[in-house]
Structure formats: structure tokens, C-alpha cells
C-alpha atoms as a PDB file:
ATOM      1  CA  MET A   1     -21.587 -70.573  43.435  1.00  0.00           C
ATOM      2  CA  ASN A   2     -22.239 -73.546  45.407  1.00  0.00           C
ATOM      3  CA  ASP A   3     -23.570 -71.646  48.876  1.00  0.00           C
ATOM      4  CA  PRO A   4     -27.106 -72.021  47.933  1.00  0.00           C
ATOM      5  CA  ALA A   5     -28.191 -68.831  50.624  1.00  0.00           C
ATOM      6  CA  GLU A   6     -25.298 -66.615  49.199  1.00  0.00           C
ATOM      7  CA  SER A   7     -26.701 -67.691  45.396  1.00  0.00           C
ATOM      8  CA  ASN A   8     -30.279 -66.834  46.124  1.00  0.00           C
ATOM      9  CA  SER A   9     -28.445 -63.789  47.790  1.00  0.00           C
ATOM     10  CA  VAL A  10     -27.100 -62.499  44.350  1.00  0.00           C
ATOM     11  CA  ARG A  11     -30.474 -63.007  42.982  1.00  0.00           C
ATOM     12  CA  ARG A  12     -32.498 -61.143  45.288  1.00  0.00           C
ATOM     13  CA  ALA A  13     -29.668 -58.382  44.488  1.00  0.00           C
ATOM     14  CA  LEU A  14     -29.697 -58.812  40.612  1.00  0.00           C
ATOM     15  CA  TYR A  15     -33.607 -58.827  40.668  1.00  0.00           C
ATOM     16  CA  ALA A  16     -33.508 -55.103  42.860  1.00  0.00           C
ATOM     17  CA  LEU A  17     -31.443 -54.014  40.435  1.00  0.00           C
ATOM     18  CA  PHE A  18     -33.392 -54.704  37.465  1.00  0.00           C
ATOM     19  CA  ALA A  19     -36.564 -53.449  38.936  1.00  0.00           C
ATOM     20  CA  ARG A  20     -35.303 -50.168  40.174  1.00  0.00           C
ATOM     21  CA  LEU A  21     -33.634 -49.593  36.773  1.00  0.00           C
ATOM     22  CA  PHE A  22     -36.957 -50.355  34.968  1.00  0.00           C
ATOM     23  CA  ALA A  23     -39.226 -47.835  37.090  1.00  0.00           C
ATOM     24  CA  ALA A  24     -38.129 -45.595  36.903  1.00  0.00           C
ATOM     25  CA  PRO A  25     -34.315 -43.535  35.238  1.00  0.00           C
ATOM     26  CA  PRO A  26     -31.270 -43.918  37.575  1.00  0.00           C
ATOM     27  CA  ASP A  27     -31.448 -40.172  39.638  1.00  0.00           C
ATOM     28  CA  ALA A  28     -27.195 -38.868  39.124  1.00  0.00           C
ATOM     29  CA  ASP A  29     -26.433 -40.320  42.255  1.00  0.00           C
ATOM     30  CA  LEU A  30     -27.871 -44.378  41.261  1.00  0.00           C
ATOM     31  CA  TYR A  31     -25.894 -43.501  37.507  1.00  0.00           C
ATOM     32  CA  GLY A  32     -23.143 -42.542  39.564  1.00  0.00           C
ATOM     33  CA  ARG A  33     -23.143 -45.795  41.405  1.00  0.00           C
ATOM     34  CA  LEU A  34     -23.734 -47.647  38.340  1.00  0.00           C
ATOM     35  CA  HIS A  35     -21.178 -46.210  36.239  1.00  0.00           C
ATOM     36  CA  SER A  36     -18.420 -47.016  38.514  1.00  0.00           C
ATOM     37  CA  GLY A  37     -19.412 -49.888  40.459  1.00  0.00           C
ATOM     38  CA  GLY A  38     -21.092 -53.616  39.490  1.00  0.00           C
ATOM     39  CA  LEU A  39     -23.692 -52.798  37.247  1.00  0.00           C
ATOM     40  CA  SER A  40     -20.500 -51.801  34.871  1.00  0.00           C
ATOM     41  CA  ARG A  41     -18.662 -54.832  35.588  1.00  0.00           C
ATOM     42  CA  LEU A  42     -21.936 -57.165  34.529  1.00  0.00           C
ATOM     43  CA  ALA A  43     -21.632 -55.556  31.647  1.00  0.00           C
ATOM     44  CA  GLN A  44     -18.280 -56.055  30.956  1.00  0.00           C
ATOM     45  CA  VAL A  45     -18.315 -60.033  31.844  1.00  0.00           C
ATOM     46  CA  GLN A  46     -21.525 -60.441  29.238  1.00  0.00           C
ATOM     47  CA  ARG A  47     -19.044 -57.555  26.249  1.00  0.00           C
ATOM     48  CA  LEU A  48     -21.885 -55.506  26.611  1.00  0.00           C
ATOM     49  CA  ASP A  49     -21.400 -51.868  26.339  1.00  0.00           C
ATOM     50  CA  LEU A  50     -23.073 -49.843  29.209  1.00  0.00           C
ATOM     51  CA  THR A  51     -21.813 -46.559  28.970  1.00  0.00           C
ATOM     52  CA  SER A  52     -19.911 -45.375  25.457  1.00  0.00           C
ATOM     53  CA  ASP A  53     -22.380 -42.938  24.105  1.00  0.00           C
ATOM     54  CA  LEU A  54     -23.411 -41.367  27.552  1.00  0.00           C
ATOM     55  CA  MET A  55     -21.701 -37.870  28.584  1.00  0.00           C
ATOM     56  CA  ASP A  56     -18.390 -37.670  30.437  1.00  0.00           C
ATOM     57  CA  GLU A  57     -18.573 -40.143  33.856  1.00  0.00           C
ATOM     58  CA  GLU A  58     -17.964 -36.912  35.471  1.00  0.00           C
ATOM     59  CA  ASP A  59     -21.384 -35.424  34.407  1.00  0.00           C
ATOM     60  CA  ALA A  60     -23.888 -37.817  35.999  1.00  0.00           C
ATOM     61  CA  GLU A  61     -25.651 -35.181  36.865  1.00  0.00           C
ATOM     62  CA  GLY A  62     -25.713 -34.273  33.047  1.00  0.00           C
ATOM     63  CA  SER A  63     -25.999 -38.577  32.271  1.00  0.00           C
ATOM     64  CA  ALA A  64     -28.714 -39.007  34.098  1.00  0.00           C
ATOM     65  CA  ALA A  65     -30.752 -36.053  32.506  1.00  0.00           C
ATOM     66  CA  GLU A  66     -29.989 -37.890  29.097  1.00  0.00           C
ATOM     67  CA  LEU A  67     -31.583 -41.264  30.293  1.00  0.00           C
ATOM     68  CA  SER A  68     -34.307 -39.321  31.452  1.00  0.00           C
ATOM     69  CA  ALA A  69     -35.473 -38.365  28.664  1.00  0.00           C
ATOM     70  CA  GLU A  70     -34.246 -41.391  26.537  1.00  0.00           C
ATOM     71  CA  TYR A  71     -36.665 -43.141  30.018  1.00  0.00           C
ATOM     72  CA  ASP A  72     -39.695 -41.333  28.670  1.00  0.00           C
ATOM     73  CA  ARG A  73     -39.936 -41.240  25.351  1.00  0.00           C
ATOM     74  CA  LEU A  74     -38.722 -45.506  25.422  1.00  0.00           C
ATOM     75  CA  PHE A  75     -41.005 -46.508  27.371  1.00  0.00           C
ATOM     76  CA  ASN A  76     -44.503 -44.371  25.953  1.00  0.00           C
ATOM     77  CA  ARG A  77     -43.449 -46.796  23.003  1.00  0.00           C
ATOM     78  CA  VAL A  78     -42.811 -49.983  24.572  1.00  0.00           C
ATOM     79  CA  SER A  79     -44.864 -50.890  27.460  1.00  0.00           C
ATOM     80  CA  LEU A  80     -43.762 -52.185  30.814  1.00  0.00           C
ATOM     81  CA  ASN A  81     -46.999 -53.687  31.706  1.00  0.00           C
ATOM     82  CA  ALA A  82     -47.612 -57.813  30.783  1.00  0.00           C
ATOM     83  CA  SER A  83     -51.246 -56.937  29.955  1.00  0.00           C
ATOM     84  CA  GLN A  84     -49.883 -54.958  26.781  1.00  0.00           C
ATOM     85  CA  TYR A  85     -48.028 -58.732  25.911  1.00  0.00           C
ATOM     86  CA  ARG A  86     -49.744 -61.469  27.207  1.00  0.00           C
ATOM     87  CA  ALA A  87     -52.743 -62.622  25.447  1.00  0.00           C
ATOM     88  CA  GLY A  88     -56.259 -64.540  27.052  1.00  0.00           C
ATOM     89  CA  SER A  89     -58.605 -64.616  29.680  1.00  0.00           C
ATOM     90  CA  GLU A  90     -56.408 -63.806  32.563  1.00  0.00           C
ATOM     91  CA  ASP A  91     -56.031 -60.406  34.191  1.00  0.00           C
ATOM     92  CA  PRO A  92     -52.428 -60.210  35.352  1.00  0.00           C
ATOM     93  CA  ALA A  93     -52.502 -57.119  37.713  1.00  0.00           C
ATOM     94  CA  VAL A  94     -55.526 -59.313  38.934  1.00  0.00           C
ATOM     95  CA  ALA A  95     -53.223 -62.698  38.959  1.00  0.00           C
ATOM     96  CA  VAL A  96     -50.147 -61.195  40.304  1.00  0.00           C
ATOM     97  CA  ALA A  97     -52.248 -59.068  43.173  1.00  0.00           C
ATOM     98  CA  ALA A  98     -53.977 -62.288  43.790  1.00  0.00           C
ATOM     99  CA  PHE A  99     -50.400 -64.130  44.279  1.00  0.00           C
ATOM    100  CA  LEU A 100     -49.063 -61.110  46.394  1.00  0.00           C
ATOM    101  CA  GLN A 101     -51.814 -61.035  48.786  1.00  0.00           C
ATOM    102  CA  GLU A 102     -52.444 -65.529  48.902  1.00  0.00           C
ATOM    103  CA  HIS A 103     -48.388 -65.624  49.959  1.00  0.00           C
ATOM    104  CA  ALA A 104     -48.324 -62.641  52.043  1.00  0.00           C
ATOM    105  CA  LEU A 105     -45.631 -60.431  50.207  1.00  0.00           C
ATOM    106  CA  SER A 106     -45.692 -57.478  49.828  1.00  0.00           C
ATOM    107  CA  VAL A 107     -43.338 -55.759  46.804  1.00  0.00           C
ATOM    108  CA  ASP A 108     -42.427 -51.592  48.645  1.00  0.00           C
ATOM    109  CA  ALA A 109     -40.556 -50.884  45.515  1.00  0.00           C
ATOM    110  CA  ALA A 110     -42.975 -50.901  43.274  1.00  0.00           C
ATOM    111  CA  ALA A 111     -45.480 -48.137  44.953  1.00  0.00           C
ATOM    112  CA  GLY A 112     -47.681 -46.618  42.389  1.00  0.00           C
ATOM    113  CA  LEU A 113     -46.800 -49.276  39.948  1.00  0.00           C
ATOM    114  CA  PRO A 114     -49.523 -51.538  38.628  1.00  0.00           C
ATOM    115  CA  THR A 115     -49.388 -55.070  39.789  1.00  0.00           C
ATOM    116  CA  ASP A 116     -49.022 -56.161  35.926  1.00  0.00           C
ATOM    117  CA  HIS A 117     -45.857 -53.993  35.657  1.00  0.00           C
ATOM    118  CA  LEU A 118     -42.167 -55.298  34.725  1.00  0.00           C
ATOM    119  CA  SER A 119     -40.335 -53.560  38.538  1.00  0.00           C
ATOM    120  CA  VAL A 120     -43.440 -55.453  40.617  1.00  0.00           C
ATOM    121  CA  ALA A 121     -42.423 -58.604  38.830  1.00  0.00           C
ATOM    122  CA  LEU A 122     -39.076 -58.316  39.344  1.00  0.00           C
ATOM    123  CA  GLY A 123     -39.590 -57.096  43.256  1.00  0.00           C
ATOM    124  CA  VAL A 124     -41.766 -60.416  43.659  1.00  0.00           C
ATOM    125  CA  MET A 125     -38.812 -62.539  42.691  1.00  0.00           C
ATOM    126  CA  GLY A 126     -36.703 -60.509  44.283  1.00  0.00           C
ATOM    127  CA  ALA A 127     -38.400 -61.386  47.653  1.00  0.00           C
ATOM    128  CA  LEU A 128     -38.710 -65.187  47.060  1.00  0.00           C
ATOM    129  CA  ALA A 129     -34.615 -64.873  46.580  1.00  0.00           C
ATOM    130  CA  ALA A 130     -34.822 -63.551  49.726  1.00  0.00           C
ATOM    131  CA  GLU A 131     -37.253 -65.818  51.554  1.00  0.00           C
ATOM    132  CA  ALA A 132     -34.934 -68.993  50.439  1.00  0.00           C
ATOM    133  CA  GLU A 133     -31.650 -67.240  51.444  1.00  0.00           C
ATOM    134  CA  THR A 134     -33.097 -67.006  55.075  1.00  0.00           C
ATOM    135  CA  ALA A 135     -34.598 -70.482  54.389  1.00  0.00           C
ATOM    136  CA  HIS A 136     -31.045 -71.881  53.801  1.00  0.00           C
ATOM    137  CA  ARG A 137     -29.291 -69.767  56.358  1.00  0.00           C
ATOM    138  CA  ASP A 138     -31.712 -70.820  58.764  1.00  0.00           C
ATOM    139  CA  GLY A 139     -30.903 -74.271  57.953  1.00  0.00           C
ATOM    140  CA  ASP A 140     -34.206 -74.828  56.713  1.00  0.00           C
ATOM    141  CA  PRO A 141     -34.768 -77.186  53.774  1.00  0.00           C
ATOM    142  CA  ASP A 142     -38.439 -77.747  53.823  1.00  0.00           C
ATOM    143  CA  ALA A 143     -38.963 -73.515  53.877  1.00  0.00           C
ATOM    144  CA  ALA A 144     -36.324 -73.743  51.097  1.00  0.00           C
ATOM    145  CA  LYS A 145     -37.820 -75.964  48.676  1.00  0.00           C
ATOM    146  CA  THR A 146     -41.378 -73.510  49.618  1.00  0.00           C
ATOM    147  CA  ALA A 147     -40.176 -70.585  48.810  1.00  0.00           C
ATOM    148  CA  GLU A 148     -38.021 -72.881  45.168  1.00  0.00           C
ATOM    149  CA  VAL A 149     -41.678 -73.667  44.531  1.00  0.00           C
ATOM    150  CA  ARG A 150     -43.017 -70.247  44.260  1.00  0.00           C
ATOM    151  CA  SER A 151     -40.562 -68.678  42.948  1.00  0.00           C
ATOM    152  CA  ARG A 152     -40.040 -71.335  39.817  1.00  0.00           C
ATOM    153  CA  ALA A 153     -44.283 -71.030  39.456  1.00  0.00           C
ATOM    154  CA  PHE A 154     -44.202 -67.099  39.690  1.00  0.00           C
ATOM    155  CA  PHE A 155     -41.372 -66.573  37.120  1.00  0.00           C
ATOM    156  CA  LEU A 156     -42.705 -69.053  34.443  1.00  0.00           C
ATOM    157  CA  ARG A 157     -46.122 -67.437  34.495  1.00  0.00           C
ATOM    158  CA  HIS A 158     -45.358 -64.203  35.602  1.00  0.00           C
ATOM    159  CA  VAL A 159     -41.980 -63.381  34.120  1.00  0.00           C
ATOM    160  CA  HIS A 160     -41.300 -65.816  31.244  1.00  0.00           C
ATOM    161  CA  SER A 161     -44.593 -65.351  29.763  1.00  0.00           C
ATOM    162  CA  TRP A 162     -44.006 -61.839  28.886  1.00  0.00           C
ATOM    163  CA  VAL A 163     -40.439 -60.337  29.162  1.00  0.00           C
ATOM    164  CA  PRO A 164     -38.563 -61.817  26.244  1.00  0.00           C
ATOM    165  CA  GLU A 165     -40.729 -60.163  23.821  1.00  0.00           C
ATOM    166  CA  LEU A 166     -40.559 -56.749  25.942  1.00  0.00           C
ATOM    167  CA  MET A 167     -36.618 -57.131  26.550  1.00  0.00           C
ATOM    168  CA  THR A 168     -36.761 -57.741  22.454  1.00  0.00           C
ATOM    169  CA  ALA A 169     -38.980 -54.449  22.310  1.00  0.00           C
ATOM    170  CA  ILE A 170     -36.904 -52.344  24.562  1.00  0.00           C
ATOM    171  CA  ALA A 171     -33.550 -53.280  22.259  1.00  0.00           C
ATOM    172  CA  SER A 172     -34.863 -52.805  19.208  1.00  0.00           C
ATOM    173  CA  ARG A 173     -36.269 -48.971  19.971  1.00  0.00           C
ATOM    174  CA  ALA A 174     -34.020 -47.311  22.143  1.00  0.00           C
ATOM    175  CA  ASP A 175     -31.752 -45.176  21.037  1.00  0.00           C
ATOM    176  CA  ARG A 176     -29.141 -44.841  24.279  1.00  0.00           C
ATOM    177  CA  ARG A 177     -26.551 -48.006  24.252  1.00  0.00           C
ATOM    178  CA  PHE A 178     -27.795 -47.659  28.086  1.00  0.00           C
ATOM    179  CA  TYR A 179     -31.238 -49.493  27.589  1.00  0.00           C
ATOM    180  CA  ARG A 180     -30.364 -51.568  25.219  1.00  0.00           C
ATOM    181  CA  ALA A 181     -27.484 -52.750  27.524  1.00  0.00           C
ATOM    182  CA  LEU A 182     -29.845 -53.117  30.004  1.00  0.00           C
ATOM    183  CA  ALA A 183     -32.421 -55.204  28.023  1.00  0.00           C
ATOM    184  CA  ALA A 184     -29.298 -57.965  27.131  1.00  0.00           C
ATOM    185  CA  MET A 185     -28.297 -58.348  30.762  1.00  0.00           C
ATOM    186  CA  ALA A 186     -31.837 -58.287  32.234  1.00  0.00           C
ATOM    187  CA  SER A 187     -32.102 -61.219  29.165  1.00  0.00           C
ATOM    188  CA  ALA A 188     -29.453 -63.089  29.676  1.00  0.00           C
ATOM    189  CA  PHE A 189     -30.168 -63.317  33.744  1.00  0.00           C
ATOM    190  CA  LEU A 190     -33.563 -64.175  33.250  1.00  0.00           C
ATOM    191  CA  GLU A 191     -32.185 -66.764  30.689  1.00  0.00           C
ATOM    192  CA  SER A 192     -30.410 -68.283  33.352  1.00  0.00           C
ATOM    193  CA  GLU A 193     -33.083 -67.690  35.867  1.00  0.00           C
ATOM    194  CA  ARG A 194     -35.540 -69.930  33.751  1.00  0.00           C
ATOM    195  CA  ARG A 195     -32.914 -72.630  33.195  1.00  0.00           C
ATOM    196  CA  LEU A 196     -31.829 -72.849  37.698  1.00  0.00           C
ATOM    197  CA  LEU A 197     -35.645 -72.304  38.357  1.00  0.00           C
ATOM    198  CA  GLU A 198     -36.767 -75.597  35.731  1.00  0.00           C
ATOM    199  CA  ALA A 199     -33.716 -77.824  37.473  1.00  0.00           C
ATOM    200  CA  ALA A 200     -34.773 -76.789  40.257  1.00  0.00           C
END
């Protein structure tokens, strides 16, 4: 994908999707759309089995209920907060809140979540990708470069520094293929992001 605006549009959408799926389990409507939509295709491309141990695809309500129970069980044992993974004196919740304030960013999908939650970090990255997308569409290379610099700084400090360890924990503890595959897909996406941002 050579169009920078389109590339950032895809990045923004993927960050928003992963942020939503780690914030809460999918309801029946979202499960149905995921099962027949882009997430299943993404899983197939990465050769991951996303749904085979769930109930029949026509019973989205039952499948969503099973995933809700798995989400509660899994994330009572595996924390989605950076503070559980990062050592050192810096409080990641304070640092992310400061970044949001400094750059006048808000993450609507993160309402009610602590600022060191994975979904908040992914939401911030989505917002930065949206800024880069807009700058490219407006033909403003300086604004696009600023968004890229901010994305790289935030990603390396607040995502890559702890999320790989989290994804390993999810994959090793999840009973459902859905969450094992979700962790694998997120890992693959974030590794591609690391390469992209470090090369920028």
C-alpha cells in the first residue's frame, strides 16, 4: 500500500478494532460482524483459527456469551494494565495521561478505563494514525511528519515496552482460540508497526 493516507486509514481502523476487543468482550452484534467480516479474513491471512471452538456461527448470542465468560476469567488472571508489566519508577498511567494532555488528545473508546490500560494505548495510536491520515490527505507533510514522530515516541514508550509480554500471557492462558488468535493477530500487527515506525 503506497498511499500514505490510505495506509494510515487502515492502521487507524486496526488500532480501533483491537482497542475495542481488549476493552470488553464482543456482544452478539459485534461477534456476528467479526465472524463474517474483516477479522475472520485477517485471521485466515495469518493462518489463525479464530472461531472453530465457538458455537455455530448462526448463534452469535451464545458465542458472545461464551466469549464474555472467557474474557472475565482470562482478564481476572492476566492484567491489561501496563503497571503490571513495567518495572521502574515511571507510573505509566501518569505518563500516558500527561501525553494525552500535552498533545490535546482524547480517546472516547477508553471512557472509564485507567490510562495505562492496553485499550487506551491502542486508542492513542489510532488517534495518531488518524492525524497522519488527515495530514496526508490535506497535503501537509510537516503535520504528517509530526504525527509520525509522536506515534513512534508513544509506541516505543507505551506500547512496545510491555505489550509483547502481555500477548504472550494471553496466548498461554486463554482457553478459547478466539483470544489466543486475537493475541497472535495483535502481536503480528504491532510487530509490523514497530518495523514501520522505527524505519520512519
